[in-house]
């Protein structure tokens, strides 16, 4: 990540906050996709177990 620099005193805090928010959104999206994937696997397993119990 590259941050916009201020003339005096380091980096632009608003730029840092914007970039951190964008990064948080990417991580949240990846997490939600992974959670949906694992939930689908669990649902598939539960359906298989139910089929096996029925005969």
N, C-alpha and C. Protein backbone atom coordinates (compact mmCIF):
# COMPACT_ATOMS: atom_id res chain seq x y z
N UNK A 1 0.84 -1.18 0.00
CA UNK A 1 0.00 0.00 0.00
C UNK A 1 0.89 1.24 0.00
N UNK A 2 0.50 2.18 -0.77
CA UNK A 2 1.20 3.46 -0.80
C UNK A 2 0.26 4.53 -0.26
N UNK A 3 0.77 5.33 0.63
CA UNK A 3 -0.04 6.39 1.23
C UNK A 3 0.40 7.74 0.69
N UNK A 4 -0.59 8.61 0.54
CA UNK A 4 -0.31 9.97 0.12
C UNK A 4 0.42 10.69 1.24
N UNK A 5 1.48 11.38 0.90
CA UNK A 5 2.29 12.06 1.91
C UNK A 5 1.82 13.50 2.09
N UNK A 6 1.97 13.97 3.32
CA UNK A 6 1.68 15.36 3.62
C UNK A 6 2.95 16.18 3.42
N UNK A 7 2.79 17.45 3.25
CA UNK A 7 3.94 18.32 3.10
C UNK A 7 4.80 18.28 4.36
N UNK A 8 4.15 18.33 5.51
CA UNK A 8 4.85 18.25 6.78
C UNK A 8 4.21 17.18 7.65
N UNK A 9 5.01 16.31 8.23
CA UNK A 9 4.51 15.41 9.25
C UNK A 9 4.03 14.04 8.82
N UNK A 10 4.53 13.49 7.77
CA UNK A 10 4.23 12.09 7.47
C UNK A 10 3.21 11.87 6.38
N UNK A 11 2.17 11.09 6.70
CA UNK A 11 1.19 10.70 5.69
C UNK A 11 -0.15 11.37 5.96
N UNK A 12 -0.98 11.40 4.92
CA UNK A 12 -2.32 11.97 5.01
C UNK A 12 -3.22 10.96 5.73
N UNK A 13 -3.71 11.32 6.91
CA UNK A 13 -4.49 10.40 7.73
C UNK A 13 -5.77 9.97 7.03
N UNK A 14 -6.43 10.88 6.33
CA UNK A 14 -7.66 10.53 5.62
C UNK A 14 -7.39 9.49 4.53
N UNK A 15 -6.26 9.62 3.85
CA UNK A 15 -5.89 8.65 2.83
C UNK A 15 -5.65 7.28 3.46
N UNK A 16 -4.98 7.26 4.60
CA UNK A 16 -4.74 6.00 5.30
C UNK A 16 -6.07 5.37 5.70
N UNK A 17 -6.99 6.15 6.25
CA UNK A 17 -8.29 5.62 6.66
C UNK A 17 -9.08 5.09 5.47
N UNK A 18 -9.05 5.79 4.34
CA UNK A 18 -9.75 5.32 3.14
C UNK A 18 -9.19 3.99 2.66
N UNK A 19 -7.86 3.88 2.64
CA UNK A 19 -7.25 2.65 2.18
C UNK A 19 -7.50 1.50 3.15
N UNK A 20 -7.50 1.78 4.44
CA UNK A 20 -7.78 0.74 5.42
C UNK A 20 -9.24 0.26 5.28
N UNK A 21 -10.15 1.18 5.02
CA UNK A 21 -11.55 0.82 4.81
C UNK A 21 -11.70 -0.06 3.57
N UNK A 22 -11.00 0.28 2.50
CA UNK A 22 -11.05 -0.53 1.28
C UNK A 22 -10.50 -1.93 1.55
N UNK A 23 -9.42 -2.01 2.28
CA UNK A 23 -8.84 -3.30 2.63
C UNK A 23 -9.80 -4.11 3.49
N UNK A 24 -10.46 -3.46 4.44
CA UNK A 24 -11.44 -4.13 5.29
C UNK A 24 -12.58 -4.70 4.44
N UNK A 25 -13.03 -3.96 3.44
CA UNK A 25 -14.11 -4.44 2.58
C UNK A 25 -13.67 -5.67 1.79
N UNK A 26 -12.44 -5.68 1.33
CA UNK A 26 -11.93 -6.84 0.60
C UNK A 26 -11.88 -8.05 1.52
N UNK A 27 -11.34 -7.89 2.72
CA UNK A 27 -11.28 -9.00 3.67
C UNK A 27 -12.68 -9.49 4.03
N UNK A 28 -13.62 -8.58 4.23
CA UNK A 28 -15.00 -8.96 4.56
C UNK A 28 -15.61 -9.78 3.43
N UNK A 29 -15.39 -9.36 2.20
CA UNK A 29 -15.92 -10.07 1.04
C UNK A 29 -15.34 -11.48 0.96
N UNK A 30 -14.04 -11.60 1.15
CA UNK A 30 -13.40 -12.92 1.11
C UNK A 30 -13.94 -13.80 2.23
N UNK A 31 -14.08 -13.24 3.41
CA UNK A 31 -14.60 -13.99 4.56
C UNK A 31 -16.02 -14.49 4.29
N UNK A 32 -16.87 -13.61 3.75
CA UNK A 32 -18.26 -14.00 3.49
C UNK A 32 -18.34 -15.08 2.42
N UNK A 33 -17.48 -14.97 1.39
CA UNK A 33 -17.46 -16.01 0.35
C UNK A 33 -17.02 -17.34 0.93
N UNK A 34 -16.01 -17.32 1.77
CA UNK A 34 -15.52 -18.54 2.39
C UNK A 34 -16.58 -19.14 3.32
N UNK A 35 -17.25 -18.30 4.08
CA UNK A 35 -18.31 -18.78 4.97
C UNK A 35 -19.44 -19.42 4.18
N UNK A 36 -19.82 -18.83 3.05
CA UNK A 36 -20.88 -19.40 2.21
C UNK A 36 -20.43 -20.74 1.63
N UNK A 37 -19.19 -20.84 1.22
CA UNK A 37 -18.65 -22.08 0.68
C UNK A 37 -18.71 -23.19 1.72
N UNK A 38 -18.24 -22.91 2.93
CA UNK A 38 -18.25 -23.93 3.97
C UNK A 38 -19.66 -24.28 4.41
N UNK A 39 -20.56 -23.32 4.40
CA UNK A 39 -21.95 -23.61 4.74
C UNK A 39 -22.57 -24.53 3.70
N UNK A 40 -22.22 -24.31 2.43
CA UNK A 40 -22.72 -25.20 1.37
C UNK A 40 -22.19 -26.62 1.56
N UNK A 41 -20.92 -26.74 1.94
CA UNK A 41 -20.37 -28.07 2.21
C UNK A 41 -21.08 -28.75 3.37
N UNK A 42 -21.37 -28.01 4.42
CA UNK A 42 -22.08 -28.56 5.58
C UNK A 42 -23.48 -28.99 5.18
N UNK A 43 -24.17 -28.15 4.40
CA UNK A 43 -25.52 -28.49 3.95
C UNK A 43 -25.50 -29.75 3.09
N UNK A 44 -24.51 -29.87 2.21
CA UNK A 44 -24.39 -31.05 1.36
C UNK A 44 -24.14 -32.30 2.22
N UNK A 45 -23.28 -32.18 3.21
CA UNK A 45 -23.01 -33.30 4.11
C UNK A 45 -24.27 -33.71 4.87
N UNK A 46 -25.01 -32.72 5.38
CA UNK A 46 -26.23 -33.01 6.11
C UNK A 46 -27.26 -33.71 5.22
N UNK A 47 -27.36 -33.28 3.97
CA UNK A 47 -28.30 -33.91 3.02
C UNK A 47 -27.88 -35.34 2.75
N UNK A 48 -26.59 -35.58 2.62
CA UNK A 48 -26.08 -36.94 2.38
C UNK A 48 -26.39 -37.84 3.58
N UNK A 49 -26.18 -37.33 4.76
CA UNK A 49 -26.46 -38.11 5.97
C UNK A 49 -27.95 -38.44 6.05
N UNK A 50 -28.81 -37.48 5.73
CA UNK A 50 -30.25 -37.70 5.75
C UNK A 50 -30.64 -38.77 4.74
N UNK A 51 -30.05 -38.74 3.54
CA UNK A 51 -30.34 -39.76 2.52
C UNK A 51 -29.91 -41.14 3.01
N UNK A 52 -28.75 -41.22 3.63
CA UNK A 52 -28.26 -42.51 4.11
C UNK A 52 -29.12 -43.07 5.24
N UNK A 53 -29.66 -42.20 6.07
CA UNK A 53 -30.51 -42.64 7.17
C UNK A 53 -31.84 -43.18 6.66
N UNK A 54 -32.33 -42.59 5.56
CA UNK A 54 -33.62 -43.02 5.00
C UNK A 54 -33.51 -44.38 4.32
N UNK A 55 -32.35 -44.74 3.93
CA UNK A 55 -32.23 -46.07 3.35
C UNK A 55 -31.52 -46.03 2.10
